[in-house]
Amino acid sequence: MPEAPGESPLDAAGLRVGSVELLGERFSIIKAGSSGAVRASGFGSPNSLAYAVFGRRSELLETQELDEADAALAAVRAFADGDPSLLEAIDVHQDGTELRRAMWRAARLVEPGTLASYGDVATIAGHPRAARAAASACGACLVGLFVPVHRIVRASGKLAGHADDIAVRQALIDHERAMGMRG
């Protein structure tokens, strides 16, 4: 469950961006500075993802394309083909409190093709009474797929979020199950 230590947005000298097709849509990855850690990922344009992490400063940063052989791009391609194991080895970095980082680390432990509740994630993170904090951390996650928040649901078993987000999360879960993914 690698996470790049100590990098902040101020360390970003430039952005490296790349996209790959996943479930018939464009899935983008943002890396920054000298670190190989993924700083943002998700469906949509790299510009909107970069803005989510760096705000207006993202417009001023030099942008380069990720090499097609980049490990994060390869991991997403492998996931698309039914192998989620490479996602776990990708370094990620998100700014957040230690509690949020603990929730994101815990979410990375939820096995492909399965669901866990926010309470389950809080328990895995060592904070069994912090289900709301787990929900908040999942909602704030900027490195989706590498931190598989799509597998995290309400205690009732229902997906939470806005309509587009729920549709994307359901599509990822359906893909994992259709491909027979199990941890």
N, C-alpha and C. Protein backbone atom coordinates (compact mmCIF):
# COMPACT_ATOMS: atom_id res chain seq x y z
N MET A 1 0.84 -1.17 0.00
CA MET A 1 0.00 0.00 0.00
C MET A 1 0.88 1.23 0.00
N PRO A 2 1.69 1.42 -1.02
CA PRO A 2 2.65 2.51 -1.03
C PRO A 2 1.99 3.87 -1.06
N GLU A 3 2.59 4.80 -0.37
CA GLU A 3 2.17 6.18 -0.41
C GLU A 3 3.43 7.02 -0.35
N ALA A 4 3.56 7.94 -1.28
CA ALA A 4 4.76 8.77 -1.34
C ALA A 4 4.83 9.66 -0.12
N PRO A 5 5.94 9.63 0.61
CA PRO A 5 6.04 10.43 1.83
C PRO A 5 6.41 11.87 1.54
N GLY A 6 5.85 12.78 2.32
CA GLY A 6 6.31 14.13 2.41
C GLY A 6 6.19 15.03 1.20
N GLU A 7 5.51 14.67 0.16
CA GLU A 7 5.40 15.55 -0.98
C GLU A 7 4.19 16.45 -0.80
N SER A 8 4.34 17.71 -1.11
CA SER A 8 3.23 18.63 -1.05
C SER A 8 3.05 19.26 -2.41
N PRO A 9 1.93 19.96 -2.63
CA PRO A 9 1.73 20.61 -3.92
C PRO A 9 2.86 21.59 -4.24
N LEU A 10 3.52 22.12 -3.24
CA LEU A 10 4.59 23.08 -3.49
C LEU A 10 5.80 22.42 -4.13
N ASP A 11 5.89 21.10 -4.04
CA ASP A 11 7.01 20.37 -4.64
C ASP A 11 6.82 20.19 -6.16
N ALA A 12 5.67 20.56 -6.65
CA ALA A 12 5.34 20.27 -8.04
C ALA A 12 5.99 21.27 -8.98
N ALA A 13 7.02 20.85 -9.66
CA ALA A 13 7.66 21.71 -10.66
C ALA A 13 6.92 21.62 -11.97
N GLY A 14 6.23 20.55 -12.20
CA GLY A 14 5.48 20.35 -13.43
C GLY A 14 4.56 19.16 -13.29
N LEU A 15 3.67 19.05 -14.23
CA LEU A 15 2.72 17.94 -14.23
C LEU A 15 3.06 16.96 -15.33
N ARG A 16 2.82 15.69 -15.04
CA ARG A 16 2.91 14.64 -16.04
C ARG A 16 1.53 14.00 -16.10
N VAL A 17 0.96 13.97 -17.28
CA VAL A 17 -0.41 13.49 -17.44
C VAL A 17 -0.47 12.39 -18.48
N GLY A 18 -1.43 11.53 -18.30
CA GLY A 18 -1.65 10.46 -19.27
C GLY A 18 -3.08 9.97 -19.15
N SER A 19 -3.55 9.34 -20.20
CA SER A 19 -4.90 8.80 -20.20
C SER A 19 -4.89 7.43 -20.86
N VAL A 20 -5.85 6.63 -20.46
CA VAL A 20 -6.03 5.30 -21.01
C VAL A 20 -7.54 5.04 -21.07
N GLU A 21 -7.98 4.20 -21.97
CA GLU A 21 -9.40 3.88 -22.04
C GLU A 21 -9.73 2.85 -20.98
N LEU A 22 -10.80 3.12 -20.25
CA LEU A 22 -11.30 2.19 -19.23
C LEU A 22 -12.82 2.22 -19.31
N LEU A 23 -13.41 1.09 -19.51
CA LEU A 23 -14.87 0.95 -19.61
C LEU A 23 -15.45 1.88 -20.68
N GLY A 24 -14.70 2.05 -21.76
CA GLY A 24 -15.17 2.87 -22.87
C GLY A 24 -15.05 4.37 -22.66
N GLU A 25 -14.41 4.78 -21.58
CA GLU A 25 -14.25 6.20 -21.25
C GLU A 25 -12.78 6.53 -21.07
N ARG A 26 -12.46 7.80 -21.08
CA ARG A 26 -11.11 8.29 -20.84
C ARG A 26 -10.84 8.33 -19.34
N PHE A 27 -9.81 7.61 -18.90
CA PHE A 27 -9.39 7.60 -17.51
C PHE A 27 -8.02 8.28 -17.47
N SER A 28 -7.91 9.36 -16.70
CA SER A 28 -6.69 10.16 -16.69
C SER A 28 -5.93 10.02 -15.39
N ILE A 29 -4.62 10.21 -15.48
CA ILE A 29 -3.72 10.12 -14.34
C ILE A 29 -2.84 11.37 -14.32
N ILE A 30 -2.66 11.93 -13.13
CA ILE A 30 -1.80 13.11 -12.95
C ILE A 30 -0.69 12.75 -11.97
N LYS A 31 0.53 13.05 -12.36
CA LYS A 31 1.68 12.97 -11.47
C LYS A 31 2.30 14.36 -11.44
N ALA A 32 3.07 14.67 -10.39
CA ALA A 32 3.64 16.01 -10.28
C ALA A 32 5.03 15.96 -9.69
N GLY A 33 5.82 16.94 -10.05
CA GLY A 33 7.16 17.05 -9.50
C GLY A 33 8.02 15.86 -9.84
N SER A 34 8.99 15.61 -8.99
CA SER A 34 9.94 14.53 -9.24
C SER A 34 9.42 13.17 -8.77
N SER A 35 8.35 13.17 -8.01
CA SER A 35 7.80 11.94 -7.48
C SER A 35 7.09 11.14 -8.56
N GLY A 36 7.13 9.83 -8.42
CA GLY A 36 6.39 8.96 -9.33
C GLY A 36 4.98 8.69 -8.83
N ALA A 37 4.60 9.33 -7.72
CA ALA A 37 3.29 9.07 -7.11
C ALA A 37 2.17 9.67 -7.94
N VAL A 38 1.06 8.95 -8.00
CA VAL A 38 -0.15 9.47 -8.62
C VAL A 38 -0.76 10.48 -7.66
N ARG A 39 -1.03 11.68 -8.18
CA ARG A 39 -1.63 12.75 -7.36
C ARG A 39 -3.12 12.88 -7.60
N ALA A 40 -3.59 12.47 -8.78
CA ALA A 40 -5.02 12.50 -9.09
C ALA A 40 -5.27 11.49 -10.20
N SER A 41 -6.46 10.91 -10.19
CA SER A 41 -6.85 9.99 -11.25
C SER A 41 -8.36 9.92 -11.29
N GLY A 42 -8.86 9.65 -12.46
CA GLY A 42 -10.29 9.49 -12.60
C GLY A 42 -10.74 9.67 -14.02
N PHE A 43 -12.04 9.49 -14.22
CA PHE A 43 -12.62 9.66 -15.54
C PHE A 43 -12.74 11.15 -15.81
N GLY A 44 -12.38 11.54 -17.02
CA GLY A 44 -12.47 12.94 -17.39
C GLY A 44 -11.14 13.51 -17.83
N SER A 45 -11.12 14.81 -17.95
CA SER A 45 -9.94 15.48 -18.50
C SER A 45 -8.84 15.64 -17.46
N PRO A 46 -7.61 15.56 -17.92
CA PRO A 46 -6.49 15.81 -17.01
C PRO A 46 -6.53 17.22 -16.41
N ASN A 47 -7.00 18.19 -17.18
CA ASN A 47 -7.06 19.56 -16.67
C ASN A 47 -7.95 19.68 -15.44
N SER A 48 -9.11 19.05 -15.48
CA SER A 48 -10.01 19.14 -14.31
C SER A 48 -9.44 18.40 -13.12
N LEU A 49 -8.75 17.29 -13.35
CA LEU A 49 -8.11 16.57 -12.24
C LEU A 49 -6.98 17.40 -11.64
N ALA A 50 -6.16 18.01 -12.49
CA ALA A 50 -5.06 18.84 -12.01
C ALA A 50 -5.60 20.01 -11.20
N TYR A 51 -6.68 20.59 -11.65
CA TYR A 51 -7.28 21.71 -10.93
C TYR A 51 -7.76 21.26 -9.54
N ALA A 52 -8.29 20.04 -9.45
CA ALA A 52 -8.76 19.53 -8.16
C ALA A 52 -7.63 19.44 -7.14
N VAL A 53 -6.42 19.18 -7.60
CA VAL A 53 -5.28 19.05 -6.69
C VAL A 53 -4.57 20.38 -6.47
N PHE A 54 -4.31 21.11 -7.55
CA PHE A 54 -3.45 22.29 -7.47
C PHE A 54 -4.17 23.61 -7.64
N GLY A 55 -5.48 23.58 -7.87
CA GLY A 55 -6.23 24.82 -8.06
C GLY A 55 -5.76 25.56 -9.30
N ARG A 56 -5.89 26.87 -9.27
CA ARG A 56 -5.52 27.70 -10.42
C ARG A 56 -4.05 27.59 -10.79
N ARG A 57 -3.22 27.20 -9.81
CA ARG A 57 -1.79 27.04 -10.09
C ARG A 57 -1.55 26.00 -11.18
N SER A 58 -2.48 25.06 -11.32
CA SER A 58 -2.30 24.00 -12.33
C SER A 58 -2.20 24.59 -13.74
N GLU A 59 -2.81 25.73 -13.95
CA GLU A 59 -2.76 26.38 -15.26
C GLU A 59 -1.37 26.92 -15.57
N LEU A 60 -0.57 27.15 -14.53
CA LEU A 60 0.76 27.73 -14.70
C LEU A 60 1.87 26.69 -14.78
N LEU A 61 1.54 25.47 -14.41
CA LEU A 61 2.56 24.42 -14.37
C LEU A 61 2.81 23.84 -15.76
N GLU A 62 4.06 23.56 -16.03
CA GLU A 62 4.43 22.91 -17.28
C GLU A 62 3.83 21.50 -17.29
N THR A 63 3.32 21.09 -18.43
CA THR A 63 2.68 19.78 -18.54
C THR A 63 3.41 18.94 -19.58
N GLN A 64 3.70 17.69 -19.20
CA GLN A 64 4.29 16.72 -20.11
C GLN A 64 3.43 15.47 -20.12
N GLU A 65 3.51 14.72 -21.20
CA GLU A 65 2.77 13.46 -21.30
C GLU A 65 3.53 12.36 -20.57
N LEU A 66 2.79 11.50 -19.88
CA LEU A 66 3.40 10.31 -19.29
C LEU A 66 3.84 9.38 -20.40
N ASP A 67 4.91 8.69 -20.17
CA ASP A 67 5.38 7.67 -21.11
C ASP A 67 4.33 6.56 -21.17
N GLU A 68 4.07 6.04 -22.35
CA GLU A 68 3.08 4.97 -22.51
C GLU A 68 3.38 3.75 -21.64
N ALA A 69 4.65 3.56 -21.28
CA ALA A 69 5.05 2.43 -20.45
C ALA A 69 4.95 2.74 -18.96
N ASP A 70 4.44 3.92 -18.60
CA ASP A 70 4.31 4.31 -17.20
C ASP A 70 3.57 3.23 -16.40
N ALA A 71 4.07 2.95 -15.21
CA ALA A 71 3.50 1.87 -14.39
C ALA A 71 2.04 2.11 -14.03
N ALA A 72 1.66 3.36 -13.77
CA ALA A 72 0.27 3.65 -13.41
C ALA A 72 -0.66 3.41 -14.59
N LEU A 73 -0.24 3.84 -15.78
CA LEU A 73 -1.04 3.58 -16.98
C LEU A 73 -1.15 2.07 -17.23
N ALA A 74 -0.04 1.37 -17.05
CA ALA A 74 -0.04 -0.09 -17.24
C ALA A 74 -0.97 -0.77 -16.23
N ALA A 75 -1.00 -0.26 -15.01
CA ALA A 75 -1.86 -0.85 -13.98
C ALA A 75 -3.33 -0.68 -14.34
N VAL A 76 -3.70 0.48 -14.88
CA VAL A 76 -5.09 0.70 -15.29
C VAL A 76 -5.44 -0.20 -16.47
N ARG A 77 -4.52 -0.33 -17.42
CA ARG A 77 -4.76 -1.24 -18.55
C ARG A 77 -4.96 -2.68 -18.06
N ALA A 78 -4.13 -3.11 -17.10
CA ALA A 78 -4.25 -4.46 -16.55
C ALA A 78 -5.60 -4.63 -15.86
N PHE A 79 -6.03 -3.61 -15.11
CA PHE A 79 -7.34 -3.64 -14.45
C PHE A 79 -8.44 -3.81 -15.51
N ALA A 80 -8.34 -3.04 -16.58
CA ALA A 80 -9.34 -3.14 -17.66
C ALA A 80 -9.40 -4.56 -18.23
N ASP A 81 -8.24 -5.24 -18.24
CA ASP A 81 -8.16 -6.60 -18.76
C ASP A 81 -8.45 -7.67 -17.71
N GLY A 82 -8.78 -7.25 -16.48
CA GLY A 82 -9.17 -8.20 -15.45
C GLY A 82 -8.16 -8.48 -14.37
N ASP A 83 -7.03 -7.77 -14.35
CA ASP A 83 -6.01 -8.00 -13.33
C ASP A 83 -5.83 -6.73 -12.48
N PRO A 84 -6.41 -6.70 -11.28
CA PRO A 84 -6.30 -5.52 -10.43
C PRO A 84 -5.02 -5.46 -9.60
N SER A 85 -4.20 -6.49 -9.63
CA SER A 85 -3.07 -6.58 -8.69
C SER A 85 -2.04 -5.47 -8.86
N LEU A 86 -1.85 -4.95 -10.06
CA LEU A 86 -0.84 -3.90 -10.26
C LEU A 86 -1.24 -2.58 -9.62
N LEU A 87 -2.53 -2.35 -9.44
CA LEU A 87 -2.98 -1.10 -8.83
C LEU A 87 -2.42 -0.91 -7.43
N GLU A 88 -2.32 -2.02 -6.70
CA GLU A 88 -1.86 -1.97 -5.31
C GLU A 88 -0.42 -1.50 -5.17
N ALA A 89 0.39 -1.71 -6.20
CA ALA A 89 1.81 -1.38 -6.12
C ALA A 89 2.11 0.07 -6.51
N ILE A 90 1.10 0.80 -6.96
CA ILE A 90 1.31 2.18 -7.41
C ILE A 90 1.32 3.13 -6.22
N ASP A 91 2.38 3.95 -6.15
CA ASP A 91 2.46 4.97 -5.10
C ASP A 91 1.42 6.05 -5.38
N VAL A 92 0.76 6.49 -4.32
CA VAL A 92 -0.20 7.59 -4.41
C VAL A 92 0.15 8.62 -3.36
N HIS A 93 -0.24 9.85 -3.60
CA HIS A 93 -0.07 10.90 -2.59
C HIS A 93 -1.28 11.81 -2.64
N GLN A 94 -1.89 12.00 -1.46
CA GLN A 94 -2.97 12.95 -1.29
C GLN A 94 -2.69 13.73 -0.02
N ASP A 95 -2.92 15.02 -0.08
CA ASP A 95 -2.81 15.82 1.13
C ASP A 95 -4.03 15.53 1.99
N GLY A 96 -3.83 15.45 3.29
CA GLY A 96 -4.95 15.22 4.19
C GLY A 96 -4.45 14.95 5.59
N THR A 97 -5.38 14.93 6.52
CA THR A 97 -5.04 14.65 7.91
C THR A 97 -4.58 13.20 8.04
N GLU A 98 -3.97 12.90 9.15
CA GLU A 98 -3.55 11.51 9.38
C GLU A 98 -4.77 10.58 9.40
N LEU A 99 -5.89 11.04 9.93
CA LEU A 99 -7.10 10.21 9.95
C LEU A 99 -7.55 9.91 8.52
N ARG A 100 -7.58 10.92 7.66
CA ARG A 100 -7.96 10.66 6.26
C ARG A 100 -6.99 9.71 5.58
N ARG A 101 -5.71 9.91 5.80
CA ARG A 101 -4.73 9.02 5.18
C ARG A 101 -4.92 7.59 5.68
N ALA A 102 -5.25 7.43 6.96
CA ALA A 102 -5.52 6.09 7.51
C ALA A 102 -6.73 5.46 6.82
N MET A 103 -7.76 6.26 6.55
CA MET A 103 -8.95 5.74 5.88
C MET A 103 -8.62 5.34 4.44
N TRP A 104 -7.81 6.14 3.75
CA TRP A 104 -7.44 5.80 2.38
C TRP A 104 -6.59 4.52 2.34
N ARG A 105 -5.67 4.38 3.32
CA ARG A 105 -4.88 3.13 3.37
C ARG A 105 -5.80 1.94 3.61
N ALA A 106 -6.77 2.10 4.50
CA ALA A 106 -7.71 1.01 4.79
C ALA A 106 -8.55 0.67 3.57
N ALA A 107 -8.98 1.66 2.82
CA ALA A 107 -9.79 1.41 1.62
C ALA A 107 -9.00 0.60 0.60
N ARG A 108 -7.70 0.78 0.57
CA ARG A 108 -6.87 0.02 -0.38
C ARG A 108 -6.84 -1.48 -0.04
N LEU A 109 -7.27 -1.84 1.16
CA LEU A 109 -7.27 -3.25 1.58
C LEU A 109 -8.56 -3.99 1.20
N VAL A 110 -9.56 -3.27 0.74
CA VAL A 110 -10.82 -3.91 0.35
C VAL A 110 -10.58 -4.66 -0.96
N GLU A 111 -10.86 -5.94 -0.95
CA GLU A 111 -10.56 -6.83 -2.07
C GLU A 111 -11.40 -6.50 -3.30
N PRO A 112 -10.83 -6.66 -4.48
CA PRO A 112 -11.58 -6.47 -5.72
C PRO A 112 -12.81 -7.38 -5.77
N GLY A 113 -13.89 -6.85 -6.32
CA GLY A 113 -15.10 -7.64 -6.46
C GLY A 113 -15.93 -7.72 -5.20
N THR A 114 -15.46 -7.07 -4.12
CA THR A 114 -16.20 -7.09 -2.86
C THR A 114 -16.57 -5.66 -2.46
N LEU A 115 -17.47 -5.55 -1.52
CA LEU A 115 -17.88 -4.27 -0.98
C LEU A 115 -17.61 -4.24 0.51
N ALA A 116 -17.35 -3.06 1.03
CA ALA A 116 -17.18 -2.85 2.47
C ALA A 116 -17.92 -1.58 2.83
N SER A 117 -18.41 -1.52 4.05
CA SER A 117 -19.11 -0.32 4.50
C SER A 117 -18.10 0.72 5.00
N TYR A 118 -18.57 1.95 5.12
CA TYR A 118 -17.73 2.99 5.70
C TYR A 118 -17.29 2.57 7.11
N GLY A 119 -18.19 1.92 7.85
CA GLY A 119 -17.84 1.43 9.18
C GLY A 119 -16.75 0.38 9.14
N ASP A 120 -16.80 -0.49 8.12
CA ASP A 120 -15.75 -1.50 7.96
C ASP A 120 -14.41 -0.83 7.71
N VAL A 121 -14.40 0.18 6.85
CA VAL A 121 -13.15 0.89 6.54
C VAL A 121 -12.61 1.56 7.81
N ALA A 122 -13.50 2.19 8.57
CA ALA A 122 -13.09 2.84 9.81
C ALA A 122 -12.48 1.82 10.78
N THR A 123 -13.08 0.65 10.86
CA THR A 123 -12.56 -0.41 11.74
C THR A 123 -11.19 -0.88 11.27
N ILE A 124 -11.05 -1.12 9.96
CA ILE A 124 -9.76 -1.54 9.40
C ILE A 124 -8.69 -0.49 9.70
N ALA A 125 -9.09 0.79 9.66
CA ALA A 125 -8.15 1.89 9.90
C ALA A 125 -7.82 2.06 11.38
N GLY A 126 -8.50 1.30 12.24
CA GLY A 126 -8.24 1.40 13.67
C GLY A 126 -9.07 2.45 14.39
N HIS A 127 -10.12 2.92 13.73
CA HIS A 127 -11.01 3.94 14.30
C HIS A 127 -12.46 3.48 14.14
N PRO A 128 -12.87 2.43 14.87
CA PRO A 128 -14.17 1.80 14.62
C PRO A 128 -15.39 2.70 14.79
N ARG A 129 -15.25 3.81 15.46
CA ARG A 129 -16.39 4.71 15.66
C ARG A 129 -16.38 5.88 14.66
N ALA A 130 -15.56 5.79 13.64
CA ALA A 130 -15.36 6.92 12.72
C ALA A 130 -15.90 6.64 11.31
N ALA A 131 -17.08 6.04 11.22
CA ALA A 131 -17.65 5.74 9.90
C ALA A 131 -17.87 7.02 9.09
N ARG A 132 -18.30 8.08 9.75
CA ARG A 132 -18.51 9.35 9.03
C ARG A 132 -17.19 9.89 8.49
N ALA A 133 -16.13 9.74 9.25
CA ALA A 133 -14.81 10.17 8.77
C ALA A 133 -14.38 9.34 7.57
N ALA A 134 -14.70 8.06 7.58
CA ALA A 134 -14.39 7.20 6.43
C ALA A 134 -15.17 7.66 5.21
N ALA A 135 -16.45 7.98 5.39
CA ALA A 135 -17.27 8.47 4.28
C ALA A 135 -16.71 9.77 3.73
N SER A 136 -16.32 10.66 4.62
CA SER A 136 -15.74 11.94 4.20
C SER A 136 -14.44 11.74 3.44
N ALA A 137 -13.59 10.84 3.93
CA ALA A 137 -12.32 10.56 3.25
C ALA A 137 -12.56 9.97 1.87
N CYS A 138 -13.51 9.05 1.77
CA CYS A 138 -13.81 8.46 0.46
C CYS A 138 -14.34 9.52 -0.50
N GLY A 139 -15.16 10.42 -0.01
CA GLY A 139 -15.69 11.48 -0.84
C GLY A 139 -14.63 12.46 -1.31
N ALA A 140 -13.57 12.61 -0.52
CA ALA A 140 -12.51 13.55 -0.85
C ALA A 140 -11.36 12.91 -1.62
N CYS A 141 -11.43 11.62 -1.87
CA CYS A 141 -10.35 10.90 -2.53
C CYS A 141 -10.16 11.38 -3.96
N LEU A 142 -8.92 11.74 -4.30
CA LEU A 142 -8.60 12.22 -5.64
C LEU A 142 -7.85 11.18 -6.48
N VAL A 143 -7.59 10.03 -5.93
CA VAL A 143 -6.85 8.99 -6.65
C VAL A 143 -7.70 7.73 -6.78
N GLY A 144 -8.92 7.95 -7.26
CA GLY A 144 -9.85 6.84 -7.45
C GLY A 144 -9.25 5.74 -8.30
N LEU A 145 -9.66 4.56 -8.08
CA LEU A 145 -9.22 3.29 -8.65
C LEU A 145 -7.97 2.81 -7.92
N PHE A 146 -6.95 3.67 -7.75
CA PHE A 146 -5.76 3.27 -6.99
C PHE A 146 -6.11 3.15 -5.50
N VAL A 147 -6.99 4.00 -5.02
CA VAL A 147 -7.65 3.84 -3.73
C VAL A 147 -9.09 3.52 -4.12
N PRO A 148 -9.49 2.27 -4.02
CA PRO A 148 -10.75 1.82 -4.62
C PRO A 148 -11.99 2.21 -3.81
N VAL A 149 -12.24 3.50 -3.72
CA VAL A 149 -13.39 3.97 -2.96
C VAL A 149 -14.71 3.56 -3.61
N HIS A 150 -14.65 3.09 -4.87
CA HIS A 150 -15.88 2.61 -5.49
C HIS A 150 -16.42 1.37 -4.79
N ARG A 151 -15.59 0.68 -4.02
CA ARG A 151 -16.00 -0.54 -3.32
C ARG A 151 -16.59 -0.25 -1.94
N ILE A 152 -16.63 1.01 -1.54
CA ILE A 152 -17.08 1.38 -0.20
C ILE A 152 -18.52 1.89 -0.27
N VAL A 153 -19.37 1.33 0.58
CA VAL A 153 -20.81 1.61 0.53
C VAL A 153 -21.33 1.99 1.92
N ARG A 154 -22.56 2.45 1.94
CA ARG A 154 -23.24 2.73 3.21
C ARG A 154 -23.47 1.40 3.94
N ALA A 155 -23.79 1.48 5.23
CA ALA A 155 -24.07 0.28 6.02
C ALA A 155 -25.23 -0.52 5.42
N SER A 156 -26.14 0.17 4.73
CA SER A 156 -27.29 -0.49 4.11
C SER A 156 -26.90 -1.27 2.86
N GLY A 157 -25.66 -1.09 2.39
CA GLY A 157 -25.20 -1.75 1.17
C GLY A 157 -25.38 -0.91 -0.07
N LYS A 158 -25.95 0.28 0.08
CA LYS A 158 -26.19 1.16 -1.07
C LYS A 158 -24.98 2.07 -1.31
N LEU A 159 -24.75 2.36 -2.60
CA LEU A 159 -23.71 3.31 -2.97
C LEU A 159 -24.16 4.71 -2.61
N ALA A 160 -23.22 5.55 -2.20
CA ALA A 160 -23.51 6.94 -1.86
C ALA A 160 -22.81 7.85 -2.85
N GLY A 161 -23.29 9.07 -2.95
CA GLY A 161 -22.68 10.06 -3.83
C GLY A 161 -23.73 10.64 -4.74
N HIS A 162 -23.27 11.48 -5.69
CA HIS A 162 -24.22 12.04 -6.65
C HIS A 162 -24.43 11.04 -7.79
N ALA A 163 -25.44 11.27 -8.60
CA ALA A 163 -25.88 10.28 -9.60
C ALA A 163 -24.77 9.83 -10.54
N ASP A 164 -23.98 10.76 -11.09
CA ASP A 164 -22.90 10.37 -12.01
C ASP A 164 -21.87 9.52 -11.29
N ASP A 165 -21.53 9.91 -10.09
CA ASP A 165 -20.55 9.17 -9.31
C ASP A 165 -21.05 7.75 -9.03
N ILE A 166 -22.31 7.62 -8.68
CA ILE A 166 -22.87 6.31 -8.38
C ILE A 166 -22.83 5.43 -9.63
N ALA A 167 -23.15 5.99 -10.78
CA ALA A 167 -23.12 5.22 -12.03
C ALA A 167 -21.71 4.73 -12.34
N VAL A 168 -20.71 5.58 -12.14
CA VAL A 168 -19.32 5.19 -12.38
C VAL A 168 -18.90 4.11 -11.39
N ARG A 169 -19.22 4.30 -10.13
CA ARG A 169 -18.86 3.32 -9.11
C ARG A 169 -19.49 1.97 -9.41
N GLN A 170 -20.77 1.98 -9.79
CA GLN A 170 -21.45 0.73 -10.11
C GLN A 170 -20.81 0.05 -11.31
N ALA A 171 -20.43 0.84 -12.32
CA ALA A 171 -19.79 0.28 -13.51
C ALA A 171 -18.46 -0.39 -13.14
N LEU A 172 -17.69 0.22 -12.25
CA LEU A 172 -16.42 -0.38 -11.82
C LEU A 172 -16.65 -1.67 -11.04
N ILE A 173 -17.64 -1.67 -10.17
CA ILE A 173 -17.97 -2.88 -9.41
C ILE A 173 -18.44 -3.98 -10.36
N ASP A 174 -19.31 -3.63 -11.29
CA ASP A 174 -19.80 -4.60 -12.27
C ASP A 174 -18.65 -5.17 -13.09
N HIS A 175 -17.71 -4.31 -13.49
CA HIS A 175 -16.53 -4.75 -14.25
C HIS A 175 -15.72 -5.76 -13.44
N GLU A 176 -15.47 -5.44 -12.17
CA GLU A 176 -14.69 -6.35 -11.33
C GLU A 176 -15.37 -7.71 -11.22
N ARG A 177 -16.66 -7.69 -11.03
CA ARG A 177 -17.38 -8.95 -10.87
C ARG A 177 -17.46 -9.72 -12.19
N ALA A 178 -17.68 -9.02 -13.29
CA ALA A 178 -17.77 -9.67 -14.60
C ALA A 178 -16.43 -10.31 -14.98
N MET A 179 -15.33 -9.67 -14.58
CA MET A 179 -14.01 -10.19 -14.90
C MET A 179 -13.55 -11.24 -13.89
N GLY A 180 -14.39 -11.52 -12.89
CA GLY A 180 -14.04 -12.54 -11.90
C GLY A 180 -12.93 -12.09 -10.95
N MET A 181 -12.81 -10.78 -10.76
CA MET A 181 -11.74 -10.28 -9.88
C MET A 181 -12.04 -10.61 -8.45
N ARG A 182 -11.07 -11.19 -7.83
CA ARG A 182 -11.11 -11.47 -6.40
C ARG A 182 -9.69 -11.30 -5.90
N GLY A 183 -9.57 -10.73 -4.74
CA GLY A 183 -8.23 -10.46 -4.19
C GLY A 183 -7.47 -11.68 -3.80
